[in-house]
C-alpha atoms as a PDB file:
ATOM      1  CA  MET A   1      10.895  16.334   9.626  1.00  0.00           C
ATOM      2  CA  PRO A   2      12.459  15.518   6.239  1.00  0.00           C
ATOM      3  CA  LYS A   3      12.121  17.821   3.274  1.00  0.00           C
ATOM      4  CA  LYS A   4      13.009  16.687  -0.206  1.00  0.00           C
ATOM      5  CA  ARG A   5      12.631  17.818  -3.812  1.00  0.00           C
ATOM      6  CA  GLY A   6       9.966  20.456  -3.326  1.00  0.00           C
ATOM      7  CA  LYS A   7       9.945  21.387  -7.021  1.00  0.00           C
ATOM      8  CA  HIS A   8       9.250  17.797  -7.981  1.00  0.00           C
ATOM      9  CA  ALA A   9       6.424  17.651  -5.479  1.00  0.00           C
ATOM     10  CA  GLU A  10       4.810  20.747  -7.029  1.00  0.00           C
ATOM     11  CA  LYS A  11       5.196  19.283 -10.508  1.00  0.00           C
ATOM     12  CA  GLY A  12       3.717  16.029  -9.264  1.00  0.00           C
ATOM     13  CA  LYS A  13       0.643  17.838  -7.961  1.00  0.00           C
ATOM     14  CA  GLU A  14       0.101  19.422 -11.380  1.00  0.00           C
ATOM     15  CA  MET A  15       0.383  16.023 -13.065  1.00  0.00           C
ATOM     16  CA  GLN A  16      -2.010  14.466 -10.536  1.00  0.00           C
ATOM     17  CA  ALA A  17      -4.534  17.236 -11.071  1.00  0.00           C
ATOM     18  CA  GLN A  18      -4.522  16.521 -14.814  1.00  0.00           C
ATOM     19  CA  CYS A  19      -5.290  12.811 -14.347  1.00  0.00           C
ATOM     20  CA  LYS A  20      -7.694  13.192 -11.424  1.00  0.00           C
ATOM     21  CA  ARG A  21     -10.705  10.949 -11.948  1.00  0.00           C
ATOM     22  CA  VAL A  22     -14.248  10.817 -10.588  1.00  0.00           C
ATOM     23  CA  LYS A  23     -13.821   9.626  -7.024  1.00  0.00           C
ATOM     24  CA  MET A  24     -16.118   7.610  -4.776  1.00  0.00           C
ATOM     25  CA  GLU A  25     -16.832   9.131  -1.371  1.00  0.00           C
ATOM     26  CA  ALA A  26     -15.679   7.202   1.677  1.00  0.00           C
ATOM     27  CA  ALA A  27     -18.477   5.449   3.544  1.00  0.00           C
ATOM     28  CA  CYS A  28     -17.121   6.590   6.916  1.00  0.00           C
ATOM     29  CA  SER A  29     -17.961  10.247   7.491  1.00  0.00           C
ATOM     30  CA  LEU A  30     -15.839  10.650  10.622  1.00  0.00           C
ATOM     31  CA  SER A  31     -12.156  10.816   9.711  1.00  0.00           C
ATOM     32  CA  ALA A  32      -9.566   9.188  11.971  1.00  0.00           C
ATOM     33  CA  MET A  33      -6.939  11.422  10.372  1.00  0.00           C
ATOM     34  CA  SER A  34      -6.264  15.051  11.206  1.00  0.00           C
ATOM     35  CA  PHE A  35      -6.227  17.245   8.081  1.00  0.00           C
ATOM     36  CA  GLU A  36      -5.515  20.486   9.940  1.00  0.00           C
ATOM     37  CA  ASN A  37      -2.008  20.614   8.436  1.00  0.00           C
ATOM     38  CA  PRO A  38       0.631  18.188   7.084  1.00  0.00           C
ATOM     39  CA  ASP A  39       2.298  17.787  10.507  1.00  0.00           C
ATOM     40  CA  ARG A  40      -0.965  16.780  12.163  1.00  0.00           C
ATOM     41  CA  LEU A  41      -1.812  14.396   9.347  1.00  0.00           C
ATOM     42  CA  PHE A  42       1.462  12.512   9.681  1.00  0.00           C
ATOM     43  CA  GLU A  43       1.147  12.542  13.452  1.00  0.00           C
ATOM     44  CA  SER A  44      -2.268  10.881  13.200  1.00  0.00           C
ATOM     45  CA  LEU A  45      -0.950   8.379  10.638  1.00  0.00           C
ATOM     46  CA  ILE A  46       1.752   6.963  12.956  1.00  0.00           C
ATOM     47  CA  PHE A  47      -0.160   7.432  16.253  1.00  0.00           C
ATOM     48  CA  PRO A  48       0.670   6.640  19.036  1.00  0.00           C
ATOM     49  CA  ILE A  49       4.314   6.936  17.955  1.00  0.00           C
ATOM     50  CA  LYS A  50       5.657  10.476  18.243  1.00  0.00           C
ATOM     51  CA  GLN A  51       7.223  12.125  15.212  1.00  0.00           C
ATOM     52  CA  GLN A  52      10.522  12.740  16.996  1.00  0.00           C
ATOM     53  CA  THR A  53      10.685   9.090  18.015  1.00  0.00           C
ATOM     54  CA  PHE A  54       9.857   7.922  14.518  1.00  0.00           C
ATOM     55  CA  PHE A  55      12.578   9.927  12.781  1.00  0.00           C
ATOM     56  CA  ARG A  56      15.153   9.298  15.500  1.00  0.00           C
ATOM     57  CA  GLU A  57      14.671   5.529  15.747  1.00  0.00           C
ATOM     58  CA  TYR A  58      12.934   4.210  12.615  1.00  0.00           C
ATOM     59  CA  TRP A  59      13.093   6.418   9.502  1.00  0.00           C
ATOM     60  CA  GLU A  60      15.597   4.921   7.033  1.00  0.00           C
ATOM     61  CA  GLN A  61      16.799   2.629   9.838  1.00  0.00           C
ATOM     62  CA  LYS A  62      14.401  -0.181  10.731  1.00  0.00           C
ATOM     63  CA  PRO A  63      10.764  -1.343  10.445  1.00  0.00           C
ATOM     64  CA  LEU A  64       7.987  -0.076  12.696  1.00  0.00           C
ATOM     65  CA  LEU A  65       4.886  -2.171  13.472  1.00  0.00           C
ATOM     66  CA  VAL A  66       1.897  -0.458  15.101  1.00  0.00           C
ATOM     67  CA  GLN A  67      -0.853  -2.902  16.101  1.00  0.00           C
ATOM     68  CA  ARG A  68      -3.787  -0.891  17.417  1.00  0.00           C
ATOM     69  CA  ASN A  69      -6.840  -3.099  18.051  1.00  0.00           C
ATOM     70  CA  ASP A  70      -9.070  -0.034  17.581  1.00  0.00           C
ATOM     71  CA  PRO A  71     -12.531  -0.779  16.052  1.00  0.00           C
ATOM     72  CA  LEU A  72     -13.140   2.848  15.064  1.00  0.00           C
ATOM     73  CA  LEU A  73      -9.790   3.139  13.291  1.00  0.00           C
ATOM     74  CA  ALA A  74     -10.342  -0.238  11.647  1.00  0.00           C
ATOM     75  CA  ALA A  75     -13.697   0.992  10.273  1.00  0.00           C
ATOM     76  CA  TYR A  76     -12.060   4.163   8.960  1.00  0.00           C
ATOM     77  CA  TYR A  77      -9.274   2.210   7.263  1.00  0.00           C
ATOM     78  CA  GLN A  78     -11.845  -0.061   5.651  1.00  0.00           C
ATOM     79  CA  SER A  79     -13.691   2.964   4.280  1.00  0.00           C
ATOM     80  CA  LEU A  80     -10.585   4.063   2.377  1.00  0.00           C
ATOM     81  CA  PHE A  81     -10.855   1.181  -0.120  1.00  0.00           C
ATOM     82  CA  GLN A  82     -12.781  -2.106  -0.167  1.00  0.00           C
ATOM     83  CA  LEU A  83     -13.009  -5.099  -2.453  1.00  0.00           C
ATOM     84  CA  SER A  84     -16.665  -4.229  -2.994  1.00  0.00           C
ATOM     85  CA  ASP A  85     -15.619  -0.878  -4.566  1.00  0.00           C
ATOM     86  CA  LEU A  86     -14.175  -2.604  -7.618  1.00  0.00           C
ATOM     87  CA  LYS A  87     -17.478  -3.271  -9.353  1.00  0.00           C
ATOM     88  CA  GLU A  88     -18.354   0.422  -9.534  1.00  0.00           C
ATOM     89  CA  MET A  89     -14.808   1.407 -10.460  1.00  0.00           C
ATOM     90  CA  CYS A  90     -14.712  -1.084 -13.346  1.00  0.00           C
ATOM     91  CA  SER A  91     -17.835   0.561 -14.769  1.00  0.00           C
ATOM     92  CA  GLN A  92     -15.866   3.837 -15.013  1.00  0.00           C
ATOM     93  CA  GLY A  93     -13.399   2.293 -17.450  1.00  0.00           C
ATOM     94  CA  LEU A  94     -10.307   0.635 -15.991  1.00  0.00           C
ATOM     95  CA  TYR A  95      -7.510  -0.883 -18.105  1.00  0.00           C
ATOM     96  CA  TYR A  96      -5.040  -3.677 -17.461  1.00  0.00           C
ATOM     97  CA  GLY A  97      -1.533  -2.384 -16.897  1.00  0.00           C
ATOM     98  CA  ARG A  98      -2.520   1.259 -16.515  1.00  0.00           C
ATOM     99  CA  ASP A  99      -4.968   0.829 -13.617  1.00  0.00           C
ATOM    100  CA  ILE A 100      -4.874  -2.818 -12.547  1.00  0.00           C
ATOM    101  CA  ASN A 101      -2.422  -5.699 -12.559  1.00  0.00           C
ATOM    102  CA  ILE A 102      -3.420  -9.299 -11.829  1.00  0.00           C
ATOM    103  CA  CYS A 103      -0.584 -11.423 -10.502  1.00  0.00           C
ATOM    104  CA  ARG A 104       0.398 -14.364  -8.339  1.00  0.00           C
ATOM    105  CA  CYS A 105       3.657 -15.611  -6.853  1.00  0.00           C
ATOM    106  CA  VAL A 106       4.415 -19.037  -8.339  1.00  0.00           C
ATOM    107  CA  ASN A 107       7.613 -20.909  -7.352  1.00  0.00           C
ATOM    108  CA  GLY A 108       9.260 -17.702  -6.166  1.00  0.00           C
ATOM    109  CA  LYS A 109       8.432 -15.726  -9.317  1.00  0.00           C
ATOM    110  CA  LYS A 110       5.785 -13.152 -10.166  1.00  0.00           C
ATOM    111  CA  LYS A 111       3.307 -14.445 -12.730  1.00  0.00           C
ATOM    112  CA  VAL A 112       1.300 -11.659 -14.410  1.00  0.00           C
ATOM    113  CA  LEU A 113      -2.202 -12.744 -15.463  1.00  0.00           C
ATOM    114  CA  ASN A 114      -3.370  -9.536 -17.141  1.00  0.00           C
ATOM    115  CA  LYS A 115      -5.789  -9.651 -20.053  1.00  0.00           C
ATOM    116  CA  GLU A 116      -5.807  -7.097 -22.896  1.00  0.00           C
ATOM    117  CA  GLY A 117      -7.587  -3.764 -22.833  1.00  0.00           C
ATOM    118  CA  LYS A 118     -10.462  -2.797 -20.560  1.00  0.00           C
ATOM    119  CA  VAL A 119     -11.026  -4.611 -17.274  1.00  0.00           C
ATOM    120  CA  SER A 120     -14.229  -6.643 -16.956  1.00  0.00           C
ATOM    121  CA  TYR A 121     -15.403  -6.955 -13.368  1.00  0.00           C
ATOM    122  CA  MET A 122     -16.733 -10.471 -13.988  1.00  0.00           C
ATOM    123  CA  GLN A 123     -13.373 -11.610 -15.379  1.00  0.00           C
ATOM    124  CA  LEU A 124     -11.529  -9.847 -12.571  1.00  0.00           C
ATOM    125  CA  LYS A 125     -13.624 -11.612  -9.921  1.00  0.00           C
ATOM    126  CA  LYS A 126     -13.181 -14.944 -11.739  1.00  0.00           C
ATOM    127  CA  ASP A 127      -9.377 -14.630 -11.712  1.00  0.00           C
ATOM    128  CA  PHE A 128      -9.505 -13.591  -8.048  1.00  0.00           C
ATOM    129  CA  ASP A 129     -11.708 -16.512  -6.980  1.00  0.00           C
ATOM    130  CA  GLN A 130     -10.496 -19.302  -9.250  1.00  0.00           C
ATOM    131  CA  LYS A 131      -6.848 -18.458  -9.962  1.00  0.00           C
ATOM    132  CA  LYS A 132      -6.204 -17.021  -6.473  1.00  0.00           C
ATOM    133  CA  ALA A 133      -4.731 -13.951  -8.148  1.00  0.00           C
ATOM    134  CA  THR A 134      -3.821 -10.740  -6.356  1.00  0.00           C
ATOM    135  CA  ILE A 135      -5.451  -7.532  -7.612  1.00  0.00           C
ATOM    136  CA  GLN A 136      -2.988  -4.639  -7.657  1.00  0.00           C
ATOM    137  CA  PHE A 137      -4.812  -1.303  -8.070  1.00  0.00           C
ATOM    138  CA  HIS A 138      -2.601   1.618  -9.117  1.00  0.00           C
ATOM    139  CA  GLN A 139      -3.019   5.109  -7.636  1.00  0.00           C
ATOM    140  CA  PRO A 140      -6.438   4.589  -5.993  1.00  0.00           C
ATOM    141  CA  GLN A 141      -6.520   8.233  -4.827  1.00  0.00           C
ATOM    142  CA  ARG A 142      -7.837   9.067  -8.310  1.00  0.00           C
ATOM    143  CA  PHE A 143     -11.126   7.522  -7.222  1.00  0.00           C
ATOM    144  CA  LYS A 144     -11.136   8.090  -3.467  1.00  0.00           C
ATOM    145  CA  GLU A 145     -11.361  11.606  -2.067  1.00  0.00           C
ATOM    146  CA  GLU A 146     -10.041  10.675   1.377  1.00  0.00           C
ATOM    147  CA  LEU A 147      -6.951   9.018  -0.098  1.00  0.00           C
ATOM    148  CA  TRP A 148      -6.375  12.069  -2.286  1.00  0.00           C
ATOM    149  CA  LYS A 149      -6.446  14.301   0.783  1.00  0.00           C
ATOM    150  CA  ILE A 150      -4.058  12.031   2.697  1.00  0.00           C
ATOM    151  CA  GLN A 151      -1.506  11.923  -0.117  1.00  0.00           C
ATOM    152  CA  GLU A 152      -1.752  15.649  -0.761  1.00  0.00           C
ATOM    153  CA  LYS A 153      -0.861  16.370   2.878  1.00  0.00           C
ATOM    154  CA  LEU A 154       1.924  13.789   2.876  1.00  0.00           C
ATOM    155  CA  GLU A 155       3.503  15.332  -0.242  1.00  0.00           C
ATOM    156  CA  CYS A 156       3.586  18.666   1.582  1.00  0.00           C
ATOM    157  CA  TYR A 157       5.032  17.002   4.660  1.00  0.00           C
ATOM    158  CA  PHE A 158       7.834  15.103   2.935  1.00  0.00           C
ATOM    159  CA  GLY A 159       8.451  17.589   0.113  1.00  0.00           C
ATOM    160  CA  SER A 160       8.473  14.569  -2.200  1.00  0.00           C
ATOM    161  CA  LEU A 161       6.097  12.743  -4.503  1.00  0.00           C
ATOM    162  CA  VAL A 162       3.822  10.214  -2.763  1.00  0.00           C
ATOM    163  CA  GLY A 163       2.305   7.242  -4.561  1.00  0.00           C
ATOM    164  CA  SER A 164      -0.029   4.442  -3.544  1.00  0.00           C
ATOM    165  CA  ASN A 165      -1.273   1.016  -4.540  1.00  0.00           C
ATOM    166  CA  VAL A 166      -3.964  -1.253  -3.145  1.00  0.00           C
ATOM    167  CA  TYR A 167      -3.350  -5.008  -2.967  1.00  0.00           C
ATOM    168  CA  ILE A 168      -6.243  -7.456  -2.602  1.00  0.00           C
ATOM    169  CA  THR A 169      -5.186 -11.079  -2.117  1.00  0.00           C
ATOM    170  CA  PRO A 170      -7.443 -14.131  -1.611  1.00  0.00           C
ATOM    171  CA  GLN A 171      -6.828 -16.673   1.137  1.00  0.00           C
ATOM    172  CA  GLY A 172      -3.932 -19.072   0.865  1.00  0.00           C
ATOM    173  CA  SER A 173      -2.246 -16.968  -1.811  1.00  0.00           C
ATOM    174  CA  GLN A 174       0.659 -14.577  -2.319  1.00  0.00           C
ATOM    175  CA  GLY A 175       0.883 -11.917  -5.004  1.00  0.00           C
ATOM    176  CA  LEU A 176       4.596 -11.062  -5.108  1.00  0.00           C
ATOM    177  CA  PRO A 177       7.832 -12.960  -4.424  1.00  0.00           C
ATOM    178  CA  PRO A 178      10.364 -11.733  -1.815  1.00  0.00           C
ATOM    179  CA  HIS A 179      11.683  -8.383  -3.000  1.00  0.00           C
ATOM    180  CA  TYR A 180      12.790  -4.930  -1.916  1.00  0.00           C
ATOM    181  CA  ASP A 181      11.714  -1.513  -3.142  1.00  0.00           C
ATOM    182  CA  ASP A 182      13.414   1.828  -3.778  1.00  0.00           C
ATOM    183  CA  VAL A 183      10.891   3.782  -1.698  1.00  0.00           C
ATOM    184  CA  GLU A 184       9.992   4.339   1.953  1.00  0.00           C
ATOM    185  CA  VAL A 185       6.865   2.276   2.548  1.00  0.00           C
ATOM    186  CA  PHE A 186       3.842   2.701   4.840  1.00  0.00           C
ATOM    187  CA  ILE A 187       1.333  -0.182   4.882  1.00  0.00           C
ATOM    188  CA  LEU A 188      -2.266   0.348   6.091  1.00  0.00           C
ATOM    189  CA  GLN A 189      -4.257  -2.847   6.621  1.00  0.00           C
ATOM    190  CA  LEU A 190      -7.814  -2.185   5.410  1.00  0.00           C
ATOM    191  CA  GLU A 191      -9.657  -5.528   5.294  1.00  0.00           C
ATOM    192  CA  GLY A 192      -8.945  -9.073   6.446  1.00  0.00           C
ATOM    193  CA  GLU A 193      -5.497 -10.156   7.639  1.00  0.00           C
ATOM    194  CA  LYS A 194      -2.064 -10.375   6.018  1.00  0.00           C
ATOM    195  CA  HIS A 195       0.898 -12.483   7.117  1.00  0.00           C
ATOM    196  CA  TRP A 196       4.155 -10.535   6.700  1.00  0.00           C
ATOM    197  CA  ARG A 197       7.795 -11.583   6.757  1.00  0.00           C
ATOM    198  CA  LEU A 198      10.619  -9.028   6.703  1.00  0.00           C
ATOM    199  CA  TYR A 199      14.300  -9.792   6.151  1.00  0.00           C
ATOM    200  CA  LYS A 200      17.610  -8.054   6.621  1.00  0.00           C
ATOM    201  CA  PRO A 201      18.474  -5.871   3.598  1.00  0.00           C
ATOM    202  CA  THR A 202      21.125  -7.072   1.184  1.00  0.00           C
ATOM    203  CA  VAL A 203      21.387  -3.505  -0.189  1.00  0.00           C
ATOM    204  CA  HIS A 204      21.284  -0.599   2.276  1.00  0.00           C
ATOM    205  CA  LEU A 205      18.665   2.027   1.295  1.00  0.00           C
ATOM    206  CA  ALA A 206      18.341   0.526  -2.169  1.00  0.00           C
ATOM    207  CA  ARG A 207      17.952   2.766  -5.198  1.00  0.00           C
ATOM    208  CA  GLU A 208      16.117   0.209  -7.342  1.00  0.00           C
ATOM    209  CA  TYR A 209      13.523  -2.563  -7.090  1.00  0.00           C
ATOM    210  CA  ASN A 210      14.820  -6.133  -7.026  1.00  0.00           C
ATOM    211  CA  VAL A 211      13.516  -9.661  -6.424  1.00  0.00           C
ATOM    212  CA  GLU A 212      15.521 -11.798  -3.996  1.00  0.00           C
ATOM    213  CA  PRO A 213      15.576 -15.637  -4.093  1.00  0.00           C
ATOM    214  CA  GLU A 214      14.465 -17.440  -0.936  1.00  0.00           C
ATOM    215  CA  ASP A 215      17.817 -19.203  -0.520  1.00  0.00           C
ATOM    216  CA  ARG A 216      19.644 -15.865  -0.284  1.00  0.00           C
ATOM    217  CA  ILE A 217      17.570 -13.956   2.271  1.00  0.00           C
ATOM    218  CA  GLY A 218      17.803 -16.286   5.279  1.00  0.00           C
ATOM    219  CA  ASN A 219      15.311 -16.274   8.128  1.00  0.00           C
ATOM    220  CA  PRO A 220      12.880 -13.389   8.736  1.00  0.00           C
ATOM    221  CA  THR A 221      13.916 -10.670  11.176  1.00  0.00           C
ATOM    222  CA  HIS A 222      10.203  -9.902  11.717  1.00  0.00           C
ATOM    223  CA  GLU A 223       7.097 -12.056  11.253  1.00  0.00           C
ATOM    224  CA  PHE A 224       3.575 -10.966  12.170  1.00  0.00           C
ATOM    225  CA  ILE A 225      -0.091 -10.648  11.143  1.00  0.00           C
ATOM    226  CA  LEU A 226      -1.545  -7.262  10.173  1.00  0.00           C
ATOM    227  CA  LYS A 227      -5.214  -6.661  11.031  1.00  0.00           C
ATOM    228  CA  PRO A 228      -7.538  -3.770  10.068  1.00  0.00           C
ATOM    229  CA  GLY A 229      -6.332  -0.518  11.612  1.00  0.00           C
ATOM    230  CA  ASP A 230      -2.700  -1.680  11.872  1.00  0.00           C
ATOM    231  CA  LEU A 231       0.223   0.235  10.355  1.00  0.00           C
ATOM    232  CA  LEU A 232       3.584  -1.009   9.129  1.00  0.00           C
ATOM    233  CA  TYR A 233       6.554   1.103   8.012  1.00  0.00           C
ATOM    234  CA  PHE A 234       9.827  -0.156   6.554  1.00  0.00           C
ATOM    235  CA  PRO A 235      12.747   1.592   4.824  1.00  0.00           C
ATOM    236  CA  ARG A 236      13.619   1.152   1.178  1.00  0.00           C
ATOM    237  CA  GLY A 237      15.777  -1.920   0.696  1.00  0.00           C
ATOM    238  CA  THR A 238      13.865  -3.963   3.292  1.00  0.00           C
ATOM    239  CA  ILE A 239      13.227  -7.417   1.816  1.00  0.00           C
ATOM    240  CA  HIS A 240       9.628  -8.483   2.362  1.00  0.00           C
ATOM    241  CA  GLN A 241       6.902 -10.888   1.326  1.00  0.00           C
ATOM    242  CA  ALA A 242       3.271 -11.230   2.426  1.00  0.00           C
ATOM    243  CA  ASP A 243       0.445 -13.735   2.027  1.00  0.00           C
ATOM    244  CA  THR A 244      -3.177 -14.065   3.092  1.00  0.00           C
ATOM    245  CA  PRO A 245      -3.517 -16.913   5.612  1.00  0.00           C
ATOM    246  CA  LEU A 246      -5.913 -19.815   5.096  1.00  0.00           C
ATOM    247  CA  GLY A 247      -9.184 -19.179   6.901  1.00  0.00           C
ATOM    248  CA  VAL A 248      -9.166 -15.481   5.986  1.00  0.00           C
ATOM    249  CA  SER A 249     -11.357 -14.899   2.928  1.00  0.00           C
ATOM    250  CA  TYR A 250      -9.138 -12.127   1.575  1.00  0.00           C
ATOM    251  CA  SER A 251      -6.844  -9.269   2.575  1.00  0.00           C
ATOM    252  CA  THR A 252      -6.873  -5.646   1.401  1.00  0.00           C
ATOM    253  CA  HIS A 253      -4.006  -3.339   2.201  1.00  0.00           C
ATOM    254  CA  LEU A 254      -2.876   0.089   1.040  1.00  0.00           C
ATOM    255  CA  THR A 255       0.775   0.837   0.309  1.00  0.00           C
ATOM    256  CA  ILE A 256       1.797   4.493   0.547  1.00  0.00           C
ATOM    257  CA  SER A 257       5.299   5.180  -0.744  1.00  0.00           C
ATOM    258  CA  THR A 258       7.643   8.152  -0.930  1.00  0.00           C
ATOM    259  CA  TYR A 259      11.292   9.254  -1.227  1.00  0.00           C
ATOM    260  CA  GLN A 260      12.033   7.434  -4.478  1.00  0.00           C
ATOM    261  CA  ASN A 261      15.622   8.154  -5.535  1.00  0.00           C
END
């Protein structure tokens, strides 16, 4: 089990406590995660993969796709965050840039469609429906108790800060161009379906975020559809892009990230 930057993790917890917001309780009362201790939490996150197998064969090496087809787990994942939660959250006072970004991938580039100031739910829904924009929600654990508990345990497990974002993308649309990140990434599919393509890294275990042009990345090494309850892991530096297929009204997924250099 990796341990990293314990002091930073403790400092991060203090900072998170200061900005902790009123959270909405998850609709699903029965947790599919084990909160007994950090080890058990991570074990339940990657189930049925064993921890030893994960760190020996996948961690910082290659992607892991876990497709579960488990209705109970799918219902639990959906309870973590839903598109329908946004109306109530907007009433608590969300701001563009700080809490939410609106974006769409156009001709291989990220187009940011943010307005100024406070987020209006009606405007947000209009951009989502009419402009096919992706909603990127920053640090949703501020509003969701279950996500807060998951990230707290993961910070103890990794000894490193853990962040999260939720991405909600309408059908036939893509929010971000092909890119790689400077963090280890765990994707939890919450609602709908998402079509993913992963590519061979151009920078091994990258230390910074970067967009890669389509003509440089070649053919995907992995291509698949994530459905509710599925989990995807890939190391920092893994080039990726994802879109919501036609015929699927929208996709919601949670990105949990750690080990930023």
